[in-house]
Protein backbone atom coordinates (compact mmCIF):
# COMPACT_ATOMS: atom_id res chain seq x y z
CA UNK A 1 31.89 2.64 -10.60
CA UNK A 2 32.34 -0.46 -8.44
CA UNK A 3 30.19 -3.26 -9.86
CA UNK A 4 27.71 -4.97 -7.55
CA UNK A 5 29.04 -8.36 -8.68
CA UNK A 6 32.45 -7.80 -7.13
CA UNK A 7 33.70 -10.56 -4.87
CA UNK A 8 34.13 -10.03 -1.14
CA UNK A 9 37.90 -10.07 -1.63
CA UNK A 10 37.73 -7.34 -4.27
CA UNK A 11 35.42 -5.22 -2.12
CA UNK A 12 37.84 -5.45 0.80
CA UNK A 13 40.66 -3.99 -1.26
CA UNK A 14 39.26 -0.69 -2.45
CA UNK A 15 42.35 1.47 -2.48
CA UNK A 16 42.57 4.47 -0.12
CA UNK A 17 43.92 7.79 -1.39
CA UNK A 18 45.72 8.57 1.86
CA UNK A 19 46.90 6.70 4.98
CA UNK A 20 44.40 6.81 7.83
CA UNK A 21 44.52 4.92 11.16
CA UNK A 22 41.72 2.47 12.05
CA UNK A 23 39.90 2.79 8.75
CA UNK A 24 36.61 0.88 8.73
CA UNK A 25 36.78 -2.30 6.64
CA UNK A 26 35.19 -1.62 3.22
CA UNK A 27 33.54 -5.05 3.17
CA UNK A 28 31.49 -4.14 6.27
CA UNK A 29 30.19 -1.00 4.60
CA UNK A 30 29.50 -2.74 1.31
CA UNK A 31 27.48 -5.50 2.98
CA UNK A 32 25.55 -2.96 5.07
CA UNK A 33 24.44 -0.94 2.05
CA UNK A 34 20.93 -1.64 0.70
CA UNK A 35 20.64 -3.77 -2.42
CA UNK A 36 17.43 -2.05 -3.63
CA UNK A 37 17.48 -0.08 -6.86
CA UNK A 38 16.21 3.06 -5.14
CA UNK A 39 18.58 5.94 -4.47
CA UNK A 40 18.75 6.31 -0.70
CA UNK A 41 20.43 8.85 1.58
CA UNK A 42 23.31 7.18 3.42
CA UNK A 43 25.02 9.01 6.28
CA UNK A 44 28.26 8.46 8.14
CA UNK A 45 28.19 11.01 11.01
CA UNK A 46 31.84 10.21 11.88
CA UNK A 47 33.09 9.59 8.37
CA UNK A 48 36.86 9.83 8.88
CA UNK A 49 38.62 9.30 5.55
CA UNK A 50 35.34 8.55 3.78
CA UNK A 51 34.94 4.77 3.38
CA UNK A 52 31.15 4.89 3.78
CA UNK A 53 30.55 7.85 1.42
CA UNK A 54 32.81 6.36 -1.27
CA UNK A 55 31.08 2.98 -1.23
CA UNK A 56 27.59 4.47 -0.89
CA UNK A 57 28.23 6.63 -3.94
CA UNK A 58 29.65 3.61 -5.77
CA UNK A 59 26.30 1.87 -5.29
CA UNK A 60 24.43 4.88 -6.65
CA UNK A 61 23.23 6.34 -3.34
CA UNK A 62 23.30 9.92 -2.08
CA UNK A 63 26.19 9.85 0.38
CA UNK A 64 26.72 12.27 3.25
CA UNK A 65 29.79 12.30 5.48
CA UNK A 66 30.43 14.50 8.52
CA UNK A 67 33.57 14.98 10.55
CA UNK A 68 35.41 17.67 12.50
CA UNK A 69 38.99 16.69 11.59
CA UNK A 70 40.12 19.02 8.76
CA UNK A 71 42.44 16.41 7.25
CA UNK A 72 39.80 13.68 7.38
CA UNK A 73 37.42 16.00 5.50
CA UNK A 74 40.10 16.74 2.91
CA UNK A 75 40.81 13.02 2.37
CA UNK A 76 37.12 12.12 2.12
CA UNK A 77 36.45 14.92 -0.39
CA UNK A 78 39.41 13.78 -2.46
CA UNK A 79 38.28 10.16 -2.45
CA UNK A 80 34.72 11.09 -3.46
CA UNK A 81 35.70 13.62 -6.15
CA UNK A 82 35.40 13.14 -9.89
CA UNK A 83 38.95 13.18 -11.23
CA UNK A 84 40.34 14.09 -14.64
CA UNK A 85 43.84 12.56 -14.48
CA UNK A 86 45.47 14.28 -17.47
CA UNK A 87 44.39 17.73 -16.36
CA UNK A 88 45.45 17.15 -12.75
CA UNK A 89 48.91 15.92 -13.78
CA UNK A 90 49.41 19.04 -15.88
CA UNK A 91 48.37 21.18 -12.92
CA UNK A 92 50.68 19.26 -10.57
CA UNK A 93 53.66 19.70 -12.89
CA UNK A 94 52.95 23.43 -13.14
CA UNK A 95 52.70 23.69 -9.34
CA UNK A 96 56.00 21.86 -8.90
CA UNK A 97 57.80 24.02 -11.45
CA UNK A 98 56.52 27.20 -9.84
CA UNK A 99 57.43 25.92 -6.38
CA UNK A 100 60.99 25.23 -7.48
CA UNK A 101 61.32 28.84 -8.56
CA UNK A 102 59.73 30.14 -5.38
CA UNK A 103 61.99 28.03 -3.17
CA UNK A 104 65.04 29.84 -4.55
CA UNK A 105 63.55 33.20 -3.60
CA UNK A 106 62.50 32.24 -0.06
CA UNK A 107 65.14 31.78 2.66
CA UNK A 108 64.72 29.20 5.38
CA UNK A 109 63.86 31.77 8.06
CA UNK A 110 60.81 32.84 6.03
CA UNK A 111 59.65 29.37 5.01
CA UNK A 112 56.53 29.18 7.14
CA UNK A 113 52.83 29.78 6.43
CA UNK A 114 52.00 33.48 6.69
CA UNK A 115 49.70 33.08 9.70
CA UNK A 116 51.97 30.69 11.63
CA UNK A 117 52.51 31.91 15.19
CA UNK A 118 55.64 31.30 17.27
CA UNK A 119 54.39 28.02 18.73
CA UNK A 120 53.50 26.67 15.29
CA UNK A 121 56.88 27.70 13.89
CA UNK A 122 58.68 25.89 16.71
CA UNK A 123 56.57 22.82 15.96
CA UNK A 124 57.55 22.97 12.29
CA UNK A 125 61.22 23.44 13.15
CA UNK A 126 61.10 20.34 15.35
CA UNK A 127 59.49 18.03 12.78
CA UNK A 128 60.97 19.31 9.49
CA UNK A 129 64.58 19.99 8.51
CA UNK A 130 65.34 23.42 6.95
CA UNK A 131 65.71 22.15 3.40
CA UNK A 132 62.42 20.27 3.39
CA UNK A 133 60.70 23.16 5.13
CA UNK A 134 61.68 25.42 2.24
CA UNK A 135 60.36 22.94 -0.33
CA UNK A 136 57.13 22.24 1.56
CA UNK A 137 56.49 25.94 2.07
CA UNK A 138 56.95 26.63 -1.65
CA UNK A 139 54.62 23.75 -2.61
CA UNK A 140 52.01 24.84 -0.06
CA UNK A 141 51.98 28.40 -1.40
CA UNK A 142 51.67 27.25 -5.01
CA UNK A 143 48.89 24.78 -4.20
CA UNK A 144 46.97 27.55 -2.44
CA UNK A 145 47.14 29.56 -5.67
CA UNK A 146 45.30 26.88 -7.69
CA UNK A 147 41.88 28.28 -8.59
CA UNK A 148 39.93 25.04 -9.03
CA UNK A 149 38.73 23.86 -5.62
CA UNK A 150 38.60 20.23 -6.79
CA UNK A 151 42.17 20.33 -8.11
CA UNK A 152 43.39 22.16 -5.03
CA UNK A 153 41.82 19.54 -2.75
CA UNK A 154 43.44 16.68 -4.67
CA UNK A 155 46.84 18.37 -4.64
CA UNK A 156 46.63 19.03 -0.89
CA UNK A 157 45.86 15.34 -0.39
CA UNK A 158 48.97 14.40 -2.38
CA UNK A 159 50.98 16.94 -0.38
CA UNK A 160 49.79 15.37 2.88
CA UNK A 161 50.60 11.85 1.66
CA UNK A 162 54.28 12.81 1.67
CA UNK A 163 54.07 13.67 5.38
CA UNK A 164 51.62 11.11 6.80
CA UNK A 165 53.74 7.98 6.33
CA UNK A 166 54.71 4.94 8.38
CA UNK A 167 58.45 5.03 7.79
CA UNK A 168 60.16 7.22 5.20
CA UNK A 169 58.53 10.58 4.54
CA UNK A 170 59.39 14.23 4.23
CA UNK A 171 59.32 14.86 8.00
CA UNK A 172 61.81 13.75 10.65
CA UNK A 173 59.28 11.29 12.11
CA UNK A 174 58.21 7.70 11.81
CA UNK A 175 54.75 6.20 12.49
CA UNK A 176 52.93 9.38 11.53
CA UNK A 177 50.30 7.32 9.69
CA UNK A 178 49.58 5.47 12.96
CA UNK A 179 49.18 8.86 14.64
CA UNK A 180 52.17 8.12 16.88
CA UNK A 181 54.89 10.32 15.40
CA UNK A 182 58.29 10.05 17.00
CA UNK A 183 61.39 11.83 15.79
CA UNK A 184 64.06 9.49 14.46
CA UNK A 185 65.85 11.36 11.67
CA UNK A 186 68.32 14.24 11.67
CA UNK A 187 67.52 14.84 8.01
CA UNK A 188 64.33 13.66 6.32
CA UNK A 189 64.86 10.61 4.04
CA UNK A 190 62.54 11.95 1.30
CA UNK A 191 62.60 15.32 -0.47
CA UNK A 192 59.20 16.91 -1.24
CA UNK A 193 60.13 17.96 -4.78
CA UNK A 194 61.21 14.38 -5.56
CA UNK A 195 58.06 12.80 -4.11
CA UNK A 196 55.29 15.23 -5.10
CA UNK A 197 54.37 13.90 -8.56
CA UNK A 198 54.52 10.31 -7.29
CA UNK A 199 52.10 11.25 -4.52
CA UNK A 200 49.77 12.89 -7.05
CA UNK A 201 49.89 9.74 -9.18
CA UNK A 202 48.98 7.58 -6.17
CA UNK A 203 46.00 9.78 -5.32
CA UNK A 204 44.73 9.82 -8.90
CA UNK A 205 45.12 6.07 -9.40
CA UNK A 206 43.19 5.33 -6.20
CA UNK A 207 40.26 7.67 -6.89
CA UNK A 208 37.32 5.52 -8.08
CA UNK A 209 35.37 8.27 -9.83
CA UNK A 210 36.22 10.07 -13.06
CA UNK A 211 34.68 13.12 -14.72
CA UNK A 212 32.71 10.63 -16.84
CA UNK A 213 30.82 9.44 -13.74
CA UNK A 214 27.33 10.80 -14.38
CA UNK A 215 25.06 8.07 -13.02
CA UNK A 216 25.76 8.55 -9.30
CA UNK A 217 24.90 11.56 -7.13
CA UNK A 218 27.86 13.57 -5.87
CA UNK A 219 28.86 12.85 -2.29
CA UNK A 220 28.27 15.57 0.29
CA UNK A 221 31.24 15.79 2.67
CA UNK A 222 30.67 18.51 5.24
CA UNK A 223 32.10 19.77 8.50
CA UNK A 224 29.83 18.54 11.25
CA UNK A 225 29.92 17.16 14.78
CA UNK A 226 28.07 13.87 15.25
CA UNK A 227 26.69 15.24 18.53
CA UNK A 228 25.01 18.17 16.73
CA UNK A 229 24.49 17.06 13.14
CA UNK A 230 23.92 19.76 10.50
CA UNK A 231 21.01 17.78 9.00
CA UNK A 232 17.23 17.99 9.02
CA UNK A 233 15.18 15.56 11.07
CA UNK A 234 13.84 12.48 9.25
CA UNK A 235 16.19 13.02 6.29
CA UNK A 236 18.40 9.90 6.28
CA UNK A 237 17.53 6.35 5.20
CA UNK A 238 20.52 4.55 6.69
CA UNK A 239 23.52 5.32 8.89
CA UNK A 240 26.75 3.33 8.63
CA UNK A 241 29.54 4.42 10.94
CA UNK A 242 32.39 3.38 13.20
CA UNK A 243 32.58 5.65 16.25
CA UNK A 244 35.86 6.19 18.12
CA UNK A 245 36.85 3.40 20.45
CA UNK A 246 36.98 4.18 24.15
CA UNK A 247 40.78 3.84 23.86
CA UNK A 248 40.51 6.49 21.16
CA UNK A 249 43.28 7.10 18.68
CA UNK A 250 44.46 10.70 18.79
CA UNK A 251 44.10 11.29 15.05
CA UNK A 252 45.19 14.92 15.27
CA UNK A 253 48.50 13.97 16.85
CA UNK A 254 49.69 12.79 13.47
CA UNK A 255 47.45 14.90 11.24
CA UNK A 256 48.72 18.19 12.58
CA UNK A 257 52.06 17.59 10.83
CA UNK A 258 50.16 18.16 7.58
CA UNK A 259 47.56 20.62 8.81
CA UNK A 260 50.08 23.25 9.92
CA UNK A 261 51.08 23.66 6.26
CA UNK A 262 47.45 24.30 5.35
CA UNK A 263 47.18 27.30 7.65
CA UNK A 264 46.13 25.71 10.95
CA UNK A 265 47.98 26.83 14.07
CA UNK A 266 48.83 24.41 16.87
CA UNK A 267 46.62 26.25 19.37
CA UNK A 268 43.64 25.85 17.03
CA UNK A 269 44.28 22.12 16.61
CA UNK A 270 44.71 21.70 20.37
CA UNK A 271 41.30 23.28 20.94
CA UNK A 272 39.77 21.02 18.28
CA UNK A 273 41.28 17.92 19.88
CA UNK A 274 39.99 18.85 23.34
CA UNK A 275 36.44 18.82 21.97
CA UNK A 276 36.61 15.39 20.31
CA UNK A 277 34.26 12.61 21.36
CA UNK A 278 35.37 11.16 24.69
CA UNK A 279 37.82 13.98 25.41
CA UNK A 280 35.53 16.96 25.95
CA UNK A 281 36.19 18.54 29.33
CA UNK A 282 32.57 19.49 29.92
CA UNK A 283 30.92 17.43 32.64
CA UNK A 284 27.38 18.29 31.52
CA UNK A 285 25.59 14.96 31.26
CA UNK A 286 22.91 14.86 28.56
CA UNK A 287 20.76 12.19 30.25
CA UNK A 288 21.88 11.03 33.69
CA UNK A 289 19.73 7.90 33.71
CA UNK A 290 20.68 6.74 30.21
CA UNK A 291 24.39 7.31 30.84
CA UNK A 292 24.28 5.56 34.22
CA UNK A 293 22.51 2.49 32.81
CA UNK A 294 24.85 2.34 29.83
CA UNK A 295 27.89 2.43 32.10
CA UNK A 296 26.50 -0.39 34.24
CA UNK A 297 26.20 -2.58 31.15
CA UNK A 298 29.88 -2.13 30.22
CA UNK A 299 31.32 -4.32 32.98
CA UNK A 300 32.73 -3.92 36.47
CA UNK A 301 34.05 -0.35 36.44
CA UNK A 302 34.39 -0.06 40.22
CA UNK A 303 38.12 -0.84 40.08
CA UNK A 304 38.78 2.22 37.92
CA UNK A 305 40.10 5.36 39.56
CA UNK A 306 38.39 8.73 39.31
CA UNK A 307 40.24 9.82 36.17
CA UNK A 308 39.57 6.56 34.35
CA UNK A 309 35.91 6.56 35.38
CA UNK A 310 35.71 10.09 34.07
CA UNK A 311 37.05 8.97 30.68
CA UNK A 312 34.36 6.29 30.44
CA UNK A 313 31.66 8.70 31.60
CA UNK A 314 32.61 11.37 29.05
CA UNK A 315 32.70 8.77 26.28
CA UNK A 316 29.27 7.41 27.16
CA UNK A 317 27.87 10.92 27.56
CA UNK A 318 29.13 11.87 24.10
CA UNK A 319 27.82 8.68 22.54
CA UNK A 320 24.43 9.34 24.11
CA UNK A 321 24.36 12.64 22.21
CA UNK A 322 25.43 10.86 19.02
CA UNK A 323 22.65 8.29 19.37
CA UNK A 324 20.10 11.02 19.99
CA UNK A 325 21.18 12.82 16.81
CA UNK A 326 21.17 9.60 14.79
CA UNK A 327 17.62 8.86 15.96
CA UNK A 328 16.57 12.40 15.05
CA UNK A 329 17.88 12.38 11.46
CA UNK A 330 16.76 8.84 10.60
CA UNK A 331 13.50 8.45 8.72
CA UNK A 332 10.80 6.27 10.34
CA UNK A 333 11.88 2.66 9.87
CA UNK A 334 15.44 3.70 9.01
CA UNK A 335 18.42 1.65 10.12
CA UNK A 336 21.79 2.41 11.69
CA UNK A 337 24.87 0.19 11.58
CA UNK A 338 27.57 0.83 14.20
CA UNK A 339 30.97 -0.88 14.07
CA UNK A 340 32.66 -0.71 17.45
CA UNK A 341 35.56 -2.36 19.25
CA UNK A 342 35.39 -3.21 22.94
CA UNK A 343 38.23 -1.89 25.09
CA UNK A 344 40.47 -2.53 28.08
CA UNK A 345 41.24 -0.16 30.93
CA UNK A 346 43.57 -1.42 33.68
CA UNK A 347 42.92 -4.99 32.54
CA UNK A 348 39.15 -4.55 32.81
CA UNK A 349 37.22 -5.62 29.71
CA UNK A 350 34.96 -2.65 28.91
CA UNK A 351 32.10 -3.56 26.60
CA UNK A 352 31.45 -0.41 24.60
CA UNK A 353 29.07 -2.36 22.37
CA UNK A 354 26.68 -3.02 25.26
CA UNK A 355 26.67 0.65 26.14
CA UNK A 356 25.69 1.53 22.57
CA UNK A 357 22.86 -1.00 22.66
CA UNK A 358 21.50 0.62 25.85
CA UNK A 359 21.88 4.13 24.47
CA UNK A 360 20.20 3.19 21.19
CA UNK A 361 17.28 1.64 23.06
CA UNK A 362 16.82 4.83 25.09
CA UNK A 363 16.39 6.71 21.79
CA UNK A 364 13.77 4.36 20.35
CA UNK A 365 16.12 2.15 18.34
CA UNK A 366 15.83 -1.61 18.65
CA UNK A 367 18.67 -4.05 18.04
CA UNK A 368 18.12 -6.01 14.82
CA UNK A 369 21.38 -7.97 14.84
CA UNK A 370 24.72 -8.24 16.60
CA UNK A 371 27.67 -9.86 14.83
CA UNK A 372 31.39 -10.02 15.43
CA UNK A 373 34.29 -10.25 13.02
CA UNK A 374 38.04 -10.58 13.51
CA UNK A 375 39.94 -7.32 13.27
CA UNK A 376 42.43 -7.43 10.42
CA UNK A 377 45.62 -6.78 12.38
CA UNK A 378 47.45 -5.24 9.42
CA UNK A 379 44.59 -2.90 8.55
CA UNK A 380 43.13 -1.81 11.89
CA UNK A 381 45.14 -0.04 14.55
CA UNK A 382 44.58 -1.70 17.92
CA UNK A 383 44.85 0.08 21.27
CA UNK A 384 48.37 -0.03 22.67
CA UNK A 385 50.42 -0.45 24.74
CA UNK A 386 47.81 -1.68 27.24
CA UNK A 387 46.58 -4.14 24.63
CA UNK A 388 49.91 -5.94 24.70
CA UNK A 389 49.83 -6.18 28.51
CA UNK A 390 46.36 -7.76 28.57
CA UNK A 391 45.85 -11.43 29.27
CA UNK A 392 45.41 -13.95 26.45
CA UNK A 393 41.64 -14.18 26.89
CA UNK A 394 41.26 -10.41 26.89
CA UNK A 395 43.48 -9.97 23.83
CA UNK A 396 41.32 -12.49 21.96
CA UNK A 397 38.17 -10.48 22.68
CA UNK A 398 39.89 -7.25 21.69
CA UNK A 399 40.78 -8.74 18.30
CA UNK A 400 37.10 -8.64 17.41
CA UNK A 401 34.91 -5.75 16.40
CA UNK A 402 31.17 -5.78 16.94
CA UNK A 403 28.71 -4.89 14.19
CA UNK A 404 25.42 -3.62 15.59
CA UNK A 405 22.36 -3.02 13.41
CA UNK A 406 19.50 -0.94 14.81
CA UNK A 407 16.08 0.08 13.48
CA UNK A 408 14.33 3.29 14.54
CA UNK A 409 10.72 3.15 15.67
CA UNK A 410 8.89 6.43 15.20
CA UNK A 411 5.99 7.73 13.18
CA UNK A 412 5.99 10.79 10.95
CA UNK A 413 7.88 14.01 11.61
CA UNK A 414 9.21 14.66 15.08
């Protein structure tokens, strides 16, 4: 368990189990968590890799995390799991040994997941050389045979760590961890069988909870869309989250290199991506007045063309739905902390934070505080390449993220 007396520096260096772009700074979450001795329900409706649930559980709270990205859910569940290192290492060694045997029996032309369609197979051929595809396929099959769900989740996370890397991994790509994969190798620089146990070790060493952790409630990581939360009304004490920026990172662009090995086809992942916040093609506006007023507060958007205005409108529309759901699930007097970065479109400074303030107000949430902090360049993934083309003044503002704290005003059940 992470002691409450930890220094700010220590809190900021809680070790992730898996690379993830634009992870929320742990120190923000830690400082936003209540200091009271009561066990509260803490929600992150867009939990990503699980920073909020991990830290909420570390402080003894009941943590809930929701997301729609299958890999994000896997990472968050891994990070929040109770781990028994010795047992997991034994399981990992058994999986590797069995995979080595299976690899010899499976030719390259059959080294794909059973349900992989033609498009998915072409995708795998493009990003993985034949030798690594055989090894990854054998590992994937043997991991799927593991009976313990907890162990299987941890092993899948280690498997994915070998693929989602910045430079040298088991694929033919670089910058996968930044969700900008580009093919640079003719043969992958790392072999899965050589890297698997090292990846398992990294996951285990970075998991903060052991099987001896009995004094904190288990975290609840569930599939759920922040626009339609799978939670009862008036059930959450505090929300701590970092919604996608307007210049949203396409997380699935990199994640799908791992997810195809877990049984997801490219067409399925494409459909999932098209429904993400800010990218949904539906033009149904939840509240015309609220969206219109929020957009006015963001800056001078008149210079944007129709497509760019549509991007902003869809983003605000989706965030209006998120705010409505947050207001619904919060208990009377509950608080919500949103960490957001303002954006740039065609050199126009777009203040997403002001839009969120307007949207929160329309749902009965008042602004308690607004603070800014510098974005840690090495740890947060800034919008690019437009960011680099922005003027000096604009780049300075985009190096900050805004921390908004709201309080809900409502009485009783709604």
